[in-house]
Amino acid sequence: MPYVLVSTQIRLETGPTMVGDEYSDPAIMNYLGARKTTMLGNNFSEYHVDDSPRLVLDKLEKIGFRVVTMTGVGQTLVWCMYKETDYIT
């Protein structure tokens, strides 16, 4: 899976950080120390870590991910990370 979304609420820029959805690569989520949670009222799961977004971005960079784009949506900060993969054609 070459893309990962990382997000946090502006008032929580020191953590926790959302690092993936229920379909995210379990190996990457394990590397980040993320836990899968389902918020009350949601019918989907998300992965969260207690680290700040900066630490999460640093960890993802170490395994080959890079920031493609970053934006603010309301009170949420979102980073889109991408990792090149070798495709056999």
C-alpha atoms as a PDB file:
ATOM      1  CA  MET A   1       0.000   0.000   0.000  1.00  0.00           C
ATOM      2  CA  PRO A   2       1.890   3.085  -1.176  1.00  0.00           C
ATOM      3  CA  TYR A   3      -0.250   5.806   0.520  1.00  0.00           C
ATOM      4  CA  VAL A   4      -0.760   6.663   4.194  1.00  0.00           C
ATOM      5  CA  LEU A   5      -2.861   9.516   5.589  1.00  0.00           C
ATOM      6  CA  VAL A   6      -1.667  11.100   8.833  1.00  0.00           C
ATOM      7  CA  SER A   7      -3.891  13.573  10.683  1.00  0.00           C
ATOM      8  CA  THR A   8      -4.449  15.294  13.996  1.00  0.00           C
ATOM      9  CA  GLN A   9      -6.669  17.952  15.498  1.00  0.00           C
ATOM     10  CA  ILE A  10      -4.972  21.373  15.719  1.00  0.00           C
ATOM     11  CA  ARG A  11      -5.526  21.526  19.475  1.00  0.00           C
ATOM     12  CA  LEU A  12      -3.844  18.092  19.787  1.00  0.00           C
ATOM     13  CA  GLU A  13      -0.682  18.707  17.767  1.00  0.00           C
ATOM     14  CA  THR A  14       1.320  16.824  20.409  1.00  0.00           C
ATOM     15  CA  GLY A  15      -0.809  13.691  19.889  1.00  0.00           C
ATOM     16  CA  PRO A  16      -2.646  11.468  19.526  1.00  0.00           C
ATOM     17  CA  THR A  17      -2.220  11.134  15.777  1.00  0.00           C
ATOM     18  CA  MET A  18      -4.449   9.223  13.367  1.00  0.00           C
ATOM     19  CA  VAL A  19      -2.217   7.158  11.065  1.00  0.00           C
ATOM     20  CA  GLY A  20      -4.482   4.974   8.967  1.00  0.00           C
ATOM     21  CA  ASP A  21      -7.835   3.394   8.358  1.00  0.00           C
ATOM     22  CA  GLU A  22      -9.066  -0.164   8.832  1.00  0.00           C
ATOM     23  CA  TYR A  23      -7.487  -1.208   5.517  1.00  0.00           C
ATOM     24  CA  SER A  24      -3.976   0.088   6.302  1.00  0.00           C
ATOM     25  CA  ASP A  25      -0.977  -2.233   6.111  1.00  0.00           C
ATOM     26  CA  PRO A  26      -0.773  -4.012   9.498  1.00  0.00           C
ATOM     27  CA  ALA A  27       3.046  -4.199   9.303  1.00  0.00           C
ATOM     28  CA  ILE A  28       3.324  -0.407   8.982  1.00  0.00           C
ATOM     29  CA  MET A  29       0.789   0.133  11.761  1.00  0.00           C
ATOM     30  CA  ASN A  30       2.750  -2.254  13.996  1.00  0.00           C
ATOM     31  CA  TYR A  31       6.006  -0.395  13.193  1.00  0.00           C
ATOM     32  CA  LEU A  32       4.343   2.875  14.241  1.00  0.00           C
ATOM     33  CA  GLY A  33       2.957   1.299  17.419  1.00  0.00           C
ATOM     34  CA  ALA A  34      -0.588   2.139  16.321  1.00  0.00           C
ATOM     35  CA  ARG A  35      -3.720   0.712  17.885  1.00  0.00           C
ATOM     36  CA  LYS A  36      -6.909   0.082  15.936  1.00  0.00           C
ATOM     37  CA  THR A  37      -9.930   1.811  17.440  1.00  0.00           C
ATOM     38  CA  THR A  38     -13.582   2.373  16.550  1.00  0.00           C
ATOM     39  CA  MET A  39     -15.136   5.548  17.887  1.00  0.00           C
ATOM     40  CA  LEU A  40     -18.663   5.282  19.286  1.00  0.00           C
ATOM     41  CA  GLY A  41     -21.158   5.897  16.491  1.00  0.00           C
ATOM     42  CA  ASN A  42     -18.710   5.202  13.636  1.00  0.00           C
ATOM     43  CA  ASN A  43     -19.027   2.119  11.453  1.00  0.00           C
ATOM     44  CA  PHE A  44     -15.310   2.137  10.565  1.00  0.00           C
ATOM     45  CA  SER A  45     -12.014   1.756  12.407  1.00  0.00           C
ATOM     46  CA  GLU A  46      -8.922   3.975  12.516  1.00  0.00           C
ATOM     47  CA  TYR A  47      -5.371   3.501  13.742  1.00  0.00           C
ATOM     48  CA  HIS A  48      -4.038   5.931  16.358  1.00  0.00           C
ATOM     49  CA  VAL A  49      -0.680   6.487  18.046  1.00  0.00           C
ATOM     50  CA  ASP A  50       0.121   8.652  21.061  1.00  0.00           C
ATOM     51  CA  ASP A  51       3.089  10.255  19.236  1.00  0.00           C
ATOM     52  CA  SER A  52       2.970  13.738  17.749  1.00  0.00           C
ATOM     53  CA  PRO A  53       2.556  14.042  13.971  1.00  0.00           C
ATOM     54  CA  ARG A  54       6.210  15.114  13.631  1.00  0.00           C
ATOM     55  CA  LEU A  55       7.430  11.878  15.203  1.00  0.00           C
ATOM     56  CA  VAL A  56       5.083   9.838  12.999  1.00  0.00           C
ATOM     57  CA  LEU A  57       6.304  11.638   9.864  1.00  0.00           C
ATOM     58  CA  ASP A  58       9.925  11.010  10.922  1.00  0.00           C
ATOM     59  CA  LYS A  59       9.236   7.289  11.429  1.00  0.00           C
ATOM     60  CA  LEU A  60       7.503   6.971   8.055  1.00  0.00           C
ATOM     61  CA  GLU A  61      10.380   8.767   6.314  1.00  0.00           C
ATOM     62  CA  LYS A  62      12.816   6.209   7.756  1.00  0.00           C
ATOM     63  CA  ILE A  63      10.959   3.429   5.923  1.00  0.00           C
ATOM     64  CA  GLY A  64      10.761   5.251   2.607  1.00  0.00           C
ATOM     65  CA  PHE A  65       7.623   7.386   2.763  1.00  0.00           C
ATOM     66  CA  ARG A  66       7.631  11.050   1.758  1.00  0.00           C
ATOM     67  CA  VAL A  67       5.088  13.836   2.176  1.00  0.00           C
ATOM     68  CA  VAL A  68       3.112  14.402  -1.024  1.00  0.00           C
ATOM     69  CA  THR A  69       0.885  17.164   0.327  1.00  0.00           C
ATOM     70  CA  MET A  70      -0.373  18.707   3.542  1.00  0.00           C
ATOM     71  CA  THR A  71      -3.511  20.716   4.272  1.00  0.00           C
ATOM     72  CA  GLY A  72      -5.719  22.015   7.005  1.00  0.00           C
ATOM     73  CA  VAL A  73      -9.389  21.007   6.966  1.00  0.00           C
ATOM     74  CA  GLY A  74     -11.336  22.905   9.594  1.00  0.00           C
ATOM     75  CA  GLN A  75      -9.556  22.080  12.864  1.00  0.00           C
ATOM     76  CA  THR A  76      -7.721  19.076  11.369  1.00  0.00           C
ATOM     77  CA  LEU A  77      -4.222  18.874   9.888  1.00  0.00           C
ATOM     78  CA  VAL A  78      -3.724  16.169   7.221  1.00  0.00           C
ATOM     79  CA  TRP A  79      -0.553  14.852   5.579  1.00  0.00           C
ATOM     80  CA  CYS A  80      -0.607  12.493   2.594  1.00  0.00           C
ATOM     81  CA  MET A  81       2.444  10.217   2.530  1.00  0.00           C
ATOM     82  CA  TYR A  82       3.606   8.129  -0.433  1.00  0.00           C
ATOM     83  CA  LYS A  83       6.148   5.353  -0.852  1.00  0.00           C
ATOM     84  CA  GLU A  84       7.497   4.233  -4.224  1.00  0.00           C
ATOM     85  CA  THR A  85       6.952   0.550  -4.858  1.00  0.00           C
ATOM     86  CA  ASP A  86       8.524  -1.796  -7.355  1.00  0.00           C
ATOM     87  CA  TYR A  87       5.880  -3.064  -9.732  1.00  0.00           C
ATOM     88  CA  ILE A  88       6.557  -6.016 -11.988  1.00  0.00           C
ATOM     89  CA  THR A  89       4.915  -5.597 -15.381  1.00  0.00           C
END
